[in-house]
Amino acid sequence: MKTRVQAHCCYKLLYHLVFIPKYRHRLLKSGVGSYCEQVILGVISDKYEDVIIEEVEVMDDHVHILITIPPKYAILDIVKNLKADSSRIMRNKFDFLKRGGREAMWSVGFFISSVVLNETMIKNYVRHQREQDEGQLVEL
């Protein structure tokens, strides 16, 4: 990750973000997961030109994102907007996400941590999460 420059600051802020569908339902299988990845990338690029998604991996029941957020934004606002906008777009595309009285697609909470020293290890973790979860990858 390179150091980024804005008008009055230089920064190197990379975050590992994880969030899940409500009740951890396995909603993000195959085509839905692929579409969700496109939606996440689109929402961020449309709304925030200087927020950069480095990696994204959509699992059946959770999403991993490596994201660079400039210090001028509150992380909570970025996550809140990402989840709200992606939920709206996904629910408009897939009728089954509206059924069953489902009021929200994403669970209220999320996990976020800053990536400090070993960015390569975290990138490999995100890239190979699917193989790791399915027991196909022995060691990172």
C-alpha atoms as a PDB file:
ATOM      1  CA  MET A   1       0.000   0.000   0.000  1.00  0.00           C
ATOM      2  CA  LYS A   2       1.358   3.371  -0.912  1.00  0.00           C
ATOM      3  CA  THR A   3       1.177   6.617   1.006  1.00  0.00           C
ATOM      4  CA  ARG A   4      -1.640   8.777  -0.311  1.00  0.00           C
ATOM      5  CA  VAL A   5      -1.611  12.567  -0.435  1.00  0.00           C
ATOM      6  CA  GLN A   6      -4.432  15.067  -0.053  1.00  0.00           C
ATOM      7  CA  ALA A   7      -4.363  18.845   0.182  1.00  0.00           C
ATOM      8  CA  HIS A   8      -3.128  19.055   3.766  1.00  0.00           C
ATOM      9  CA  CYS A   9      -2.159  15.536   4.758  1.00  0.00           C
ATOM     10  CA  CYS A  10      -0.418  12.324   3.806  1.00  0.00           C
ATOM     11  CA  TYR A  11      -1.892   9.052   5.003  1.00  0.00           C
ATOM     12  CA  LYS A  12      -1.547   5.304   4.860  1.00  0.00           C
ATOM     13  CA  LEU A  13      -4.803   3.992   6.305  1.00  0.00           C
ATOM     14  CA  LEU A  14      -5.954   0.515   5.343  1.00  0.00           C
ATOM     15  CA  TYR A  15      -8.839  -1.187   7.130  1.00  0.00           C
ATOM     16  CA  HIS A  16     -10.126  -4.753   7.180  1.00  0.00           C
ATOM     17  CA  LEU A  17     -13.940  -4.599   7.243  1.00  0.00           C
ATOM     18  CA  VAL A  18     -16.252  -7.563   7.796  1.00  0.00           C
ATOM     19  CA  PHE A  19     -20.037  -7.501   7.879  1.00  0.00           C
ATOM     20  CA  ILE A  20     -22.738 -10.168   7.691  1.00  0.00           C
ATOM     21  CA  PRO A  21     -26.303 -10.602   6.445  1.00  0.00           C
ATOM     22  CA  LYS A  22     -28.963 -10.367   9.119  1.00  0.00           C
ATOM     23  CA  TYR A  23     -29.096 -13.552  11.232  1.00  0.00           C
ATOM     24  CA  ARG A  24     -26.056 -14.711   9.211  1.00  0.00           C
ATOM     25  CA  HIS A  25     -28.328 -16.176   6.542  1.00  0.00           C
ATOM     26  CA  ARG A  26     -26.434 -17.633   3.587  1.00  0.00           C
ATOM     27  CA  LEU A  27     -27.838 -15.145   1.080  1.00  0.00           C
ATOM     28  CA  LEU A  28     -24.705 -14.427  -0.923  1.00  0.00           C
ATOM     29  CA  LYS A  29     -24.276 -17.674  -2.849  1.00  0.00           C
ATOM     30  CA  SER A  30     -22.913 -17.800  -6.432  1.00  0.00           C
ATOM     31  CA  GLY A  31     -24.535 -15.140  -8.655  1.00  0.00           C
ATOM     32  CA  VAL A  32     -25.894 -13.124  -5.740  1.00  0.00           C
ATOM     33  CA  GLY A  33     -22.409 -12.933  -4.229  1.00  0.00           C
ATOM     34  CA  SER A  34     -20.857 -11.859  -7.536  1.00  0.00           C
ATOM     35  CA  TYR A  35     -23.487  -9.176  -7.965  1.00  0.00           C
ATOM     36  CA  CYS A  36     -22.960  -8.064  -4.364  1.00  0.00           C
ATOM     37  CA  GLU A  37     -19.241  -7.585  -5.047  1.00  0.00           C
ATOM     38  CA  GLN A  38     -20.039  -5.405  -8.077  1.00  0.00           C
ATOM     39  CA  VAL A  39     -22.545  -3.401  -6.047  1.00  0.00           C
ATOM     40  CA  ILE A  40     -20.035  -2.794  -3.236  1.00  0.00           C
ATOM     41  CA  LEU A  41     -17.403  -1.587  -5.695  1.00  0.00           C
ATOM     42  CA  GLY A  42     -19.957   0.608  -7.477  1.00  0.00           C
ATOM     43  CA  VAL A  43     -21.404   2.164  -4.322  1.00  0.00           C
ATOM     44  CA  ILE A  44     -17.973   3.198  -3.069  1.00  0.00           C
ATOM     45  CA  SER A  45     -16.719   4.521  -6.412  1.00  0.00           C
ATOM     46  CA  ASP A  46     -19.951   6.476  -7.032  1.00  0.00           C
ATOM     47  CA  LYS A  47     -20.122   8.062  -3.599  1.00  0.00           C
ATOM     48  CA  TYR A  48     -16.486   8.488  -2.561  1.00  0.00           C
ATOM     49  CA  GLU A  49     -13.885   9.124  -5.253  1.00  0.00           C
ATOM     50  CA  ASP A  50     -10.972   8.969  -2.801  1.00  0.00           C
ATOM     51  CA  VAL A  51     -12.037   5.842  -0.884  1.00  0.00           C
ATOM     52  CA  ILE A  52     -10.375   2.820  -2.458  1.00  0.00           C
ATOM     53  CA  ILE A  53     -11.349  -0.816  -2.153  1.00  0.00           C
ATOM     54  CA  GLU A  54      -8.137  -2.824  -2.353  1.00  0.00           C
ATOM     55  CA  GLU A  55      -9.695  -6.300  -2.046  1.00  0.00           C
ATOM     56  CA  VAL A  56     -13.201  -7.678  -1.622  1.00  0.00           C
ATOM     57  CA  GLU A  57     -14.324 -11.252  -1.030  1.00  0.00           C
ATOM     58  CA  VAL A  58     -17.995 -12.133  -0.698  1.00  0.00           C
ATOM     59  CA  MET A  59     -18.657 -15.393   1.131  1.00  0.00           C
ATOM     60  CA  ASP A  60     -22.058 -17.102   1.481  1.00  0.00           C
ATOM     61  CA  ASP A  61     -22.671 -15.519   4.873  1.00  0.00           C
ATOM     62  CA  HIS A  62     -20.220 -12.624   5.231  1.00  0.00           C
ATOM     63  CA  VAL A  63     -18.186 -10.044   3.333  1.00  0.00           C
ATOM     64  CA  HIS A  64     -14.489  -9.169   3.725  1.00  0.00           C
ATOM     65  CA  ILE A  65     -13.244  -5.835   2.394  1.00  0.00           C
ATOM     66  CA  LEU A  66      -9.815  -4.221   2.490  1.00  0.00           C
ATOM     67  CA  ILE A  67     -10.497  -0.517   2.156  1.00  0.00           C
ATOM     68  CA  THR A  68      -8.419   2.656   2.221  1.00  0.00           C
ATOM     69  CA  ILE A  69     -10.322   5.518   3.848  1.00  0.00           C
ATOM     70  CA  PRO A  70      -8.895   9.054   3.974  1.00  0.00           C
ATOM     71  CA  PRO A  71      -8.830  10.690   7.412  1.00  0.00           C
ATOM     72  CA  LYS A  72     -11.416  13.288   6.351  1.00  0.00           C
ATOM     73  CA  TYR A  73     -14.172  10.626   6.518  1.00  0.00           C
ATOM     74  CA  ALA A  74     -15.627   8.925   9.561  1.00  0.00           C
ATOM     75  CA  ILE A  75     -15.330   5.168   9.142  1.00  0.00           C
ATOM     76  CA  LEU A  76     -18.799   4.671  10.596  1.00  0.00           C
ATOM     77  CA  ASP A  77     -20.346   6.893   7.907  1.00  0.00           C
ATOM     78  CA  ILE A  78     -18.609   4.992   5.103  1.00  0.00           C
ATOM     79  CA  VAL A  79     -19.760   1.612   6.455  1.00  0.00           C
ATOM     80  CA  LYS A  80     -23.282   2.866   7.161  1.00  0.00           C
ATOM     81  CA  ASN A  81     -23.668   4.251   3.629  1.00  0.00           C
ATOM     82  CA  LEU A  82     -22.104   1.170   2.045  1.00  0.00           C
ATOM     83  CA  LYS A  83     -24.448  -1.195   3.863  1.00  0.00           C
ATOM     84  CA  ALA A  84     -27.569   0.939   3.304  1.00  0.00           C
ATOM     85  CA  ASP A  85     -26.962   1.553  -0.394  1.00  0.00           C
ATOM     86  CA  SER A  86     -25.885  -2.012  -1.181  1.00  0.00           C
ATOM     87  CA  SER A  87     -28.917  -3.381   0.681  1.00  0.00           C
ATOM     88  CA  ARG A  88     -31.286  -1.161  -1.284  1.00  0.00           C
ATOM     89  CA  ILE A  89     -29.721  -2.080  -4.641  1.00  0.00           C
ATOM     90  CA  MET A  90     -29.567  -5.803  -3.852  1.00  0.00           C
ATOM     91  CA  ARG A  91     -33.167  -5.906  -2.624  1.00  0.00           C
ATOM     92  CA  ASN A  92     -34.366  -4.155  -5.775  1.00  0.00           C
ATOM     93  CA  LYS A  93     -32.544  -6.719  -7.929  1.00  0.00           C
ATOM     94  CA  PHE A  94     -33.462  -9.926  -6.054  1.00  0.00           C
ATOM     95  CA  ASP A  95     -37.079 -10.404  -4.949  1.00  0.00           C
ATOM     96  CA  PHE A  96     -36.212 -13.171  -2.488  1.00  0.00           C
ATOM     97  CA  LEU A  97     -34.338 -10.587  -0.382  1.00  0.00           C
ATOM     98  CA  LYS A  98     -37.626  -8.687   0.128  1.00  0.00           C
ATOM     99  CA  ARG A  99     -39.737 -11.708   1.057  1.00  0.00           C
ATOM    100  CA  GLY A 100     -40.378 -13.008   4.528  1.00  0.00           C
ATOM    101  CA  GLY A 101     -40.790  -9.598   6.117  1.00  0.00           C
ATOM    102  CA  ARG A 102     -37.064  -9.005   5.818  1.00  0.00           C
ATOM    103  CA  GLU A 103     -36.624  -5.376   6.891  1.00  0.00           C
ATOM    104  CA  ALA A 104     -32.856  -5.248   6.485  1.00  0.00           C
ATOM    105  CA  MET A 105     -30.355  -7.235   4.509  1.00  0.00           C
ATOM    106  CA  TRP A 106     -27.292  -6.594   6.688  1.00  0.00           C
ATOM    107  CA  SER A 107     -26.856  -7.147  10.385  1.00  0.00           C
ATOM    108  CA  VAL A 108     -26.520  -3.973  12.449  1.00  0.00           C
ATOM    109  CA  GLY A 109     -22.915  -4.488  13.523  1.00  0.00           C
ATOM    110  CA  PHE A 110     -19.617  -4.894  11.744  1.00  0.00           C
ATOM    111  CA  PHE A 111     -15.967  -5.643  12.448  1.00  0.00           C
ATOM    112  CA  ILE A 112     -13.196  -3.281  11.429  1.00  0.00           C
ATOM    113  CA  SER A 113      -9.511  -3.260  12.198  1.00  0.00           C
ATOM    114  CA  SER A 114      -6.624  -1.261  10.889  1.00  0.00           C
ATOM    115  CA  VAL A 115      -4.008  -3.124   8.907  1.00  0.00           C
ATOM    116  CA  VAL A 116      -0.759  -2.123  10.480  1.00  0.00           C
ATOM    117  CA  LEU A 117       2.438  -3.969   9.706  1.00  0.00           C
ATOM    118  CA  ASN A 118       1.743  -7.054   7.680  1.00  0.00           C
ATOM    119  CA  GLU A 119      -0.498  -5.941   4.840  1.00  0.00           C
ATOM    120  CA  THR A 120       0.594  -8.877   2.659  1.00  0.00           C
ATOM    121  CA  MET A 121      -0.603 -11.407   5.213  1.00  0.00           C
ATOM    122  CA  ILE A 122      -4.009  -9.709   5.493  1.00  0.00           C
ATOM    123  CA  LYS A 123      -4.348  -9.457   1.680  1.00  0.00           C
ATOM    124  CA  ASN A 124      -3.578 -13.167   1.343  1.00  0.00           C
ATOM    125  CA  TYR A 125      -6.076 -13.924   4.107  1.00  0.00           C
ATOM    126  CA  VAL A 126      -8.835 -12.022   2.284  1.00  0.00           C
ATOM    127  CA  ARG A 127      -7.912 -13.472  -1.126  1.00  0.00           C
ATOM    128  CA  HIS A 128      -7.840 -17.053   0.141  1.00  0.00           C
ATOM    129  CA  GLN A 129     -10.676 -16.886   2.688  1.00  0.00           C
ATOM    130  CA  ARG A 130     -12.952 -19.076   0.565  1.00  0.00           C
ATOM    131  CA  GLU A 131     -10.358 -21.887   0.290  1.00  0.00           C
ATOM    132  CA  GLN A 132      -9.580 -21.583   3.993  1.00  0.00           C
ATOM    133  CA  ASP A 133     -13.270 -21.834   4.956  1.00  0.00           C
ATOM    134  CA  GLU A 134     -13.784 -24.831   2.661  1.00  0.00           C
ATOM    135  CA  GLY A 135     -10.726 -26.603   4.075  1.00  0.00           C
ATOM    136  CA  GLN A 136      -8.812 -26.545   0.797  1.00  0.00           C
ATOM    137  CA  LEU A 137      -6.030 -24.237   1.943  1.00  0.00           C
ATOM    138  CA  VAL A 138      -3.831 -25.677   4.660  1.00  0.00           C
ATOM    139  CA  GLU A 139      -1.663 -22.694   5.519  1.00  0.00           C
ATOM    140  CA  LEU A 140      -1.519 -19.000   4.614  1.00  0.00           C
END
